[in-house]
């Protein structure tokens, strides 16, 4: 059988050598060691090990916890923390990154072996679950797309006849199908992210045209909600190189949220502008706003604001938005004034293919 390959991340040379020798004596393969967070990310991308042993206290700009977060998001490789420190603050930070294990120095061989084997088993189960969810989501989403297509065709015919009761029933059918479609797509996106299968299929994308298309989908909903929807789009001189489906998910999610939290008589504005090296899209809505203390948690998995806890939703939308945007080398930010408005801004770089 092929030996398990483990990357050791440790900034103390002697400790790193001792750990490597201990792992090799237990039958594991150690293809490399890394002495900083930056080097660890390079080694993971190059070698794709089965597991990473990560010292929490690393020298340099990134500590072990920040490095582990990047590894989990970008590569879906299990990380076990190895540290001599077990204070509550460090433990809490470590827990938030969902590690596959946590072991204190100095450690016994048996404890290290058990922790590694449990982490590998847990990771295998997660991959199987993600693959099953992806398959299930794919099989459900396709017929839902067909239902939505036929619903829109029927809706056009009913509108011609001005049949109010039939129109109401169709709207309920369409709304339910859209909710199911969004839910399935969200879980499919999450399964791809957690399984490390978030591969972008990039091509030149004209953002103005994409935003116009998305805005048109919400025009009818805006009228029904009695919300003003305005698109102020400044097309950049060149397209961005991006995955159009991923960007569609980003802006559909943000615009859907803006509509959901805008009260009757309020407004939603989509504004795009460009600078020398990047393009910025702002989605702004009037409404209850978001308290300042809740802003840092918005983009976390299952993060929800006080205003959203009584509404339908998974708490995954903004986590997926952030993951997709950062996968393009961009950033997403939020600013809010409680009782007045909220603005999400997405910044994407101009890059060549």
Protein backbone atom coordinates (compact mmCIF):
# COMPACT_ATOMS: atom_id res chain seq x y z
CA UNK A 1 0.00 0.00 0.00
CA UNK A 2 1.07 3.56 -0.69
CA UNK A 3 2.37 5.28 2.42
CA UNK A 4 0.54 8.28 3.88
CA UNK A 5 2.38 11.50 2.98
CA UNK A 6 2.59 14.09 5.75
CA UNK A 7 3.92 17.65 5.49
CA UNK A 8 5.52 18.94 8.70
CA UNK A 9 5.23 22.68 9.32
CA UNK A 10 7.54 23.71 12.17
CA UNK A 11 9.77 26.79 12.46
CA UNK A 12 12.22 25.19 14.94
CA UNK A 13 14.73 23.14 12.95
CA UNK A 14 15.62 20.59 15.65
CA UNK A 15 11.96 20.03 16.54
CA UNK A 16 11.13 19.58 12.86
CA UNK A 17 13.87 16.95 12.47
CA UNK A 18 12.70 15.05 15.55
CA UNK A 19 9.10 15.05 14.28
CA UNK A 20 10.15 13.82 10.84
CA UNK A 21 12.16 10.96 12.35
CA UNK A 22 9.27 10.01 14.60
CA UNK A 23 6.79 9.97 11.69
CA UNK A 24 9.13 7.92 9.50
CA UNK A 25 9.64 5.38 12.28
CA UNK A 26 5.85 4.94 12.37
CA UNK A 27 5.77 4.17 8.64
CA UNK A 28 4.64 7.57 7.32
CA UNK A 29 6.29 9.36 4.39
CA UNK A 30 7.44 12.95 4.98
CA UNK A 31 8.14 14.44 1.53
CA UNK A 32 9.08 17.87 2.92
CA UNK A 33 9.11 20.25 5.86
CA UNK A 34 8.14 23.91 5.87
CA UNK A 35 9.32 26.61 8.26
CA UNK A 36 6.74 29.36 7.61
CA UNK A 37 3.11 29.76 6.60
CA UNK A 38 4.04 31.01 3.13
CA UNK A 39 6.38 28.07 2.52
CA UNK A 40 3.73 25.66 3.81
CA UNK A 41 1.19 26.88 1.24
CA UNK A 42 3.77 26.50 -1.54
CA UNK A 43 4.63 22.96 -0.44
CA UNK A 44 0.98 21.95 -0.14
CA UNK A 45 0.22 23.24 -3.63
CA UNK A 46 3.29 21.49 -5.04
CA UNK A 47 3.13 18.15 -3.19
CA UNK A 48 -0.56 17.74 -2.24
CA UNK A 49 0.19 15.71 0.92
CA UNK A 50 -2.44 13.56 2.60
CA UNK A 51 -2.17 15.48 5.88
CA UNK A 52 -0.39 18.48 7.43
CA UNK A 53 1.11 18.61 10.94
CA UNK A 54 0.96 22.32 11.74
CA UNK A 55 2.72 24.18 14.53
CA UNK A 56 0.44 27.00 15.66
CA UNK A 57 3.19 29.46 16.64
CA UNK A 58 4.97 30.18 13.34
CA UNK A 59 7.24 33.13 12.70
CA UNK A 60 6.35 35.50 9.88
CA UNK A 61 3.16 37.17 8.67
CA UNK A 62 0.98 34.06 8.92
CA UNK A 63 0.72 31.90 12.01
CA UNK A 64 -0.30 28.25 11.92
CA UNK A 65 -4.01 28.95 12.32
CA UNK A 66 -4.13 31.40 9.41
CA UNK A 67 -2.12 28.98 7.28
CA UNK A 68 -4.42 26.07 8.17
CA UNK A 69 -7.46 28.14 7.15
CA UNK A 70 -5.91 28.75 3.72
CA UNK A 71 -5.04 25.07 3.33
CA UNK A 72 -8.56 23.92 4.21
CA UNK A 73 -10.23 26.47 1.93
CA UNK A 74 -7.96 26.07 -1.09
CA UNK A 75 -6.91 22.43 -0.93
CA UNK A 76 -9.27 20.59 1.47
CA UNK A 77 -6.32 18.79 3.08
CA UNK A 78 -6.72 17.81 6.77
CA UNK A 79 -4.61 19.70 9.30
CA UNK A 80 -3.57 18.60 12.78
CA UNK A 81 -2.31 21.31 15.12
CA UNK A 82 0.84 20.59 17.10
CA UNK A 83 1.59 23.10 19.82
CA UNK A 84 3.08 23.59 23.27
CA UNK A 85 0.42 26.21 24.05
CA UNK A 86 -3.10 25.38 25.18
CA UNK A 87 -4.53 28.68 26.42
CA UNK A 88 -8.24 29.32 25.91
CA UNK A 89 -7.78 32.06 23.29
CA UNK A 90 -5.55 29.85 21.13
CA UNK A 91 -7.91 26.90 21.48
CA UNK A 92 -10.88 29.03 20.44
CA UNK A 93 -9.10 30.34 17.35
CA UNK A 94 -8.04 26.81 16.45
CA UNK A 95 -11.57 25.43 16.89
CA UNK A 96 -12.99 28.00 14.46
CA UNK A 97 -10.83 26.56 11.65
CA UNK A 98 -12.36 23.08 12.15
CA UNK A 99 -9.07 21.17 12.53
CA UNK A 100 -8.88 17.40 12.27
CA UNK A 101 -6.86 17.11 15.46
CA UNK A 102 -4.99 19.00 18.16
CA UNK A 103 -2.03 17.51 20.01
CA UNK A 104 0.24 19.05 22.66
CA UNK A 105 4.03 18.92 22.69
CA UNK A 106 5.83 16.88 23.80
CA UNK A 107 3.69 14.03 22.47
CA UNK A 108 3.95 10.27 22.71
CA UNK A 109 4.21 8.17 19.57
CA UNK A 110 0.96 6.33 20.31
CA UNK A 111 -0.97 9.59 20.81
CA UNK A 112 0.42 11.05 17.58
CA UNK A 113 -0.35 7.87 15.62
CA UNK A 114 -3.94 7.73 16.92
CA UNK A 115 -4.54 11.41 16.15
CA UNK A 116 -3.23 11.02 12.58
CA UNK A 117 -5.30 7.90 11.86
CA UNK A 118 -8.48 9.47 13.26
CA UNK A 119 -7.89 12.60 11.16
CA UNK A 120 -7.39 10.57 7.99
CA UNK A 121 -10.54 8.54 8.68
CA UNK A 122 -12.60 11.66 9.36
CA UNK A 123 -11.32 13.26 6.15
CA UNK A 124 -12.24 10.18 4.12
CA UNK A 125 -15.78 10.23 5.52
CA UNK A 126 -16.12 13.94 4.71
CA UNK A 127 -15.00 13.36 1.12
CA UNK A 128 -17.50 10.54 0.69
CA UNK A 129 -20.26 12.71 2.12
CA UNK A 130 -19.33 15.61 -0.16
CA UNK A 131 -19.30 13.36 -3.23
CA UNK A 132 -22.71 11.93 -2.32
CA UNK A 133 -24.15 15.40 -1.74
CA UNK A 134 -22.74 16.64 -5.05
CA UNK A 135 -24.31 13.71 -6.89
CA UNK A 136 -27.64 14.15 -5.15
CA UNK A 137 -27.66 17.90 -5.74
CA UNK A 138 -26.88 17.44 -9.42
CA UNK A 139 -29.72 14.94 -9.87
CA UNK A 140 -32.23 17.23 -8.13
CA UNK A 141 -31.14 20.51 -9.70
CA UNK A 142 -31.61 19.41 -13.31
CA UNK A 143 -35.36 18.64 -13.08
CA UNK A 144 -35.85 21.77 -10.99
CA UNK A 145 -34.35 23.82 -13.81
CA UNK A 146 -36.86 22.27 -16.20
CA UNK A 147 -39.75 23.07 -13.83
CA UNK A 148 -38.60 26.69 -13.58
CA UNK A 149 -38.34 26.96 -17.36
CA UNK A 150 -41.88 25.71 -17.95
CA UNK A 151 -43.18 27.89 -15.12
CA UNK A 152 -41.78 31.02 -16.77
CA UNK A 153 -43.37 30.02 -20.11
CA UNK A 154 -46.77 29.50 -18.43
CA UNK A 155 -46.37 32.77 -16.55
CA UNK A 156 -46.04 34.67 -19.83
CA UNK A 157 -49.23 33.08 -21.17
CA UNK A 158 -51.19 33.78 -17.96
CA UNK A 159 -50.09 37.42 -17.99
CA UNK A 160 -51.52 37.79 -21.48
CA UNK A 161 -54.91 36.51 -20.23
CA UNK A 162 -54.77 38.53 -16.99
CA UNK A 163 -55.93 35.49 -15.02
CA UNK A 164 -55.28 36.70 -11.46
CA UNK A 165 -55.95 33.46 -9.56
CA UNK A 166 -53.88 31.34 -11.95
CA UNK A 167 -51.11 33.92 -11.82
CA UNK A 168 -51.03 33.70 -8.02
CA UNK A 169 -50.73 29.91 -8.13
CA UNK A 170 -47.97 30.10 -10.72
CA UNK A 171 -46.06 32.60 -8.62
CA UNK A 172 -46.23 30.27 -5.63
CA UNK A 173 -45.02 27.38 -7.79
CA UNK A 174 -42.21 29.47 -9.22
CA UNK A 175 -41.17 30.81 -5.82
CA UNK A 176 -41.05 27.32 -4.33
CA UNK A 177 -39.04 25.94 -7.25
CA UNK A 178 -36.62 28.89 -7.05
CA UNK A 179 -36.12 28.32 -3.32
CA UNK A 180 -35.42 24.63 -3.87
CA UNK A 181 -33.08 25.39 -6.77
CA UNK A 182 -31.17 27.93 -4.68
CA UNK A 183 -30.93 25.54 -1.73
CA UNK A 184 -29.61 22.69 -3.86
CA UNK A 185 -27.11 24.95 -5.63
CA UNK A 186 -25.87 26.29 -2.29
CA UNK A 187 -25.22 22.82 -0.90
CA UNK A 188 -23.58 21.77 -4.17
CA UNK A 189 -21.25 24.79 -3.96
CA UNK A 190 -20.44 23.97 -0.33
CA UNK A 191 -19.66 20.34 -1.14
CA UNK A 192 -17.27 21.43 -3.91
CA UNK A 193 -15.50 23.87 -1.58
CA UNK A 194 -15.12 21.39 1.28
CA UNK A 195 -13.98 18.59 -1.04
CA UNK A 196 -11.32 20.84 -2.56
CA UNK A 197 -13.01 20.64 -5.97
CA UNK A 198 -13.53 24.36 -6.53
CA UNK A 199 -11.97 24.59 -9.99
CA UNK A 200 -12.67 27.78 -11.93
CA UNK A 201 -13.37 27.65 -15.67
CA UNK A 202 -12.25 31.14 -16.63
CA UNK A 203 -12.99 33.14 -19.72
CA UNK A 204 -13.36 36.86 -20.56
CA UNK A 205 -16.49 38.17 -18.83
CA UNK A 206 -18.07 41.58 -19.45
CA UNK A 207 -19.36 42.42 -15.99
CA UNK A 208 -21.80 45.07 -17.16
CA UNK A 209 -23.65 42.62 -19.38
CA UNK A 210 -23.67 39.96 -16.66
CA UNK A 211 -25.06 42.39 -14.06
CA UNK A 212 -27.68 43.65 -16.52
CA UNK A 213 -28.84 40.09 -17.11
CA UNK A 214 -29.05 39.34 -13.39
CA UNK A 215 -30.86 42.63 -12.73
CA UNK A 216 -33.52 41.82 -15.33
CA UNK A 217 -34.37 38.62 -13.47
CA UNK A 218 -35.20 40.64 -10.35
CA UNK A 219 -37.13 43.44 -12.05
CA UNK A 220 -40.50 41.70 -11.67
CA UNK A 221 -39.82 40.78 -8.05
CA UNK A 222 -38.85 44.38 -7.32
CA UNK A 223 -42.18 45.62 -8.72
CA UNK A 224 -44.12 43.06 -6.69
CA UNK A 225 -42.27 44.04 -3.51
CA UNK A 226 -42.74 47.73 -4.37
CA UNK A 227 -38.99 48.22 -4.22
CA UNK A 228 -37.04 50.50 -6.54
CA UNK A 229 -34.30 48.57 -8.38
CA UNK A 230 -31.69 50.71 -10.18
CA UNK A 231 -28.69 49.57 -12.21
CA UNK A 232 -25.90 52.11 -12.72
CA UNK A 233 -23.29 50.20 -14.67
CA UNK A 234 -20.04 51.60 -15.98
CA UNK A 235 -18.61 49.01 -18.35
CA UNK A 236 -14.85 48.57 -18.09
CA UNK A 237 -12.73 48.88 -21.24
CA UNK A 238 -11.71 45.24 -20.95
CA UNK A 239 -13.45 42.16 -19.54
CA UNK A 240 -12.37 40.42 -16.37
CA UNK A 241 -11.02 36.90 -16.72
CA UNK A 242 -13.30 34.87 -14.50
CA UNK A 243 -15.64 31.92 -14.17
CA UNK A 244 -19.00 33.34 -15.34
CA UNK A 245 -21.08 30.81 -13.39
CA UNK A 246 -19.18 31.56 -10.17
CA UNK A 247 -19.64 35.33 -10.65
CA UNK A 248 -23.31 34.80 -11.42
CA UNK A 249 -23.65 32.97 -8.09
CA UNK A 250 -21.86 35.82 -6.29
CA UNK A 251 -24.00 38.65 -7.64
CA UNK A 252 -27.27 36.69 -7.65
CA UNK A 253 -26.72 35.89 -3.99
CA UNK A 254 -25.91 39.49 -3.05
CA UNK A 255 -28.82 40.94 -5.03
CA UNK A 256 -31.23 38.35 -3.64
CA UNK A 257 -30.17 39.28 -0.09
CA UNK A 258 -30.55 42.98 -0.84
CA UNK A 259 -34.09 42.45 -2.12
CA UNK A 260 -34.98 40.24 0.84
CA UNK A 261 -33.97 42.82 3.44
CA UNK A 262 -35.41 45.91 1.73
CA UNK A 263 -38.75 47.10 3.06
CA UNK A 264 -41.63 48.16 0.82
CA UNK A 265 -40.92 51.61 -0.62
CA UNK A 266 -37.18 51.13 -0.24
CA UNK A 267 -34.50 50.92 -2.92
CA UNK A 268 -31.78 48.59 -4.20
CA UNK A 269 -28.93 49.94 -6.34
CA UNK A 270 -26.32 48.02 -8.30
CA UNK A 271 -23.38 50.22 -9.25
CA UNK A 272 -20.19 49.24 -11.05
CA UNK A 273 -17.08 51.29 -11.75
CA UNK A 274 -13.51 50.53 -12.75
CA UNK A 275 -10.07 51.73 -11.89
CA UNK A 276 -6.72 51.06 -13.54
CA UNK A 277 -6.22 47.55 -12.19
CA UNK A 278 -9.62 46.49 -10.85
CA UNK A 279 -13.38 46.71 -11.18
CA UNK A 280 -15.70 47.38 -8.23
CA UNK A 281 -19.36 46.36 -7.98
CA UNK A 282 -21.50 47.77 -5.16
CA UNK A 283 -24.91 46.38 -4.22
CA UNK A 284 -26.60 48.85 -1.87
CA UNK A 285 -30.01 48.58 -0.23
CA UNK A 286 -32.04 50.64 2.22
CA UNK A 287 -33.46 48.90 5.25
CA UNK A 288 -32.76 47.83 8.79
CA UNK A 289 -29.00 47.58 8.30
CA UNK A 290 -26.57 45.37 10.21
CA UNK A 291 -25.19 46.16 13.68
CA UNK A 292 -21.43 46.78 13.73
CA UNK A 293 -20.77 43.89 16.12
CA UNK A 294 -22.30 41.41 13.64
CA UNK A 295 -20.26 42.47 10.59
CA UNK A 296 -17.14 40.35 11.38
CA UNK A 297 -19.25 37.16 11.41
CA UNK A 298 -21.23 37.68 8.20
CA UNK A 299 -18.90 35.71 5.92
CA UNK A 300 -18.38 32.77 8.27
CA UNK A 301 -19.99 29.44 7.50
CA UNK A 302 -23.56 29.38 8.88
CA UNK A 303 -23.19 33.01 9.92
CA UNK A 304 -26.53 34.82 10.30
CA UNK A 305 -27.50 38.28 11.44
CA UNK A 306 -30.20 38.95 14.03
CA UNK A 307 -32.49 40.17 11.22
CA UNK A 308 -32.03 36.97 9.19
CA UNK A 309 -32.59 34.41 11.95
CA UNK A 310 -36.37 34.47 11.45
CA UNK A 311 -36.12 34.12 7.67
CA UNK A 312 -35.54 31.10 5.50
CA UNK A 313 -31.92 30.49 4.57
CA UNK A 314 -28.89 28.31 5.19
CA UNK A 315 -26.38 30.85 6.51
CA UNK A 316 -24.02 29.70 3.75
CA UNK A 317 -24.61 32.29 1.03
CA UNK A 318 -22.08 34.91 2.10
CA UNK A 319 -19.50 32.26 2.99
CA UNK A 320 -19.78 30.98 -0.60
CA UNK A 321 -19.68 34.54 -1.99
CA UNK A 322 -16.43 35.25 -0.12
CA UNK A 323 -14.87 31.95 -1.19
CA UNK A 324 -15.73 32.50 -4.88
CA UNK A 325 -14.53 36.11 -4.88
CA UNK A 326 -11.23 35.30 -3.16
CA UNK A 327 -10.69 32.38 -5.57
CA UNK A 328 -10.63 35.04 -8.31
CA UNK A 329 -8.02 37.06 -6.39
CA UNK A 330 -10.62 39.62 -5.35
CA UNK A 331 -12.18 40.75 -2.09
CA UNK A 332 -15.67 41.37 -0.73
CA UNK A 333 -16.44 43.99 1.91
CA UNK A 334 -19.53 45.22 3.71
CA UNK A 335 -20.48 48.54 5.29
CA UNK A 336 -23.77 49.19 7.04
CA UNK A 337 -25.56 51.95 8.90
CA UNK A 338 -28.26 50.45 11.15
CA UNK A 339 -31.70 51.77 10.29
CA UNK A 340 -30.51 53.22 6.98
CA UNK A 341 -28.64 51.07 4.47
CA UNK A 342 -26.20 48.26 3.76
CA UNK A 343 -23.60 48.09 0.98
CA UNK A 344 -21.70 45.02 -0.20
CA UNK A 345 -18.77 45.74 -2.52
CA UNK A 346 -16.96 43.19 -4.68
CA UNK A 347 -13.55 44.10 -6.09
CA UNK A 348 -12.07 41.99 -8.89
CA UNK A 349 -8.68 42.45 -10.51
CA UNK A 350 -8.04 42.75 -14.23
CA UNK A 351 -5.85 39.75 -15.01
CA UNK A 352 -4.77 38.10 -18.22
CA UNK A 353 -5.63 34.49 -19.05
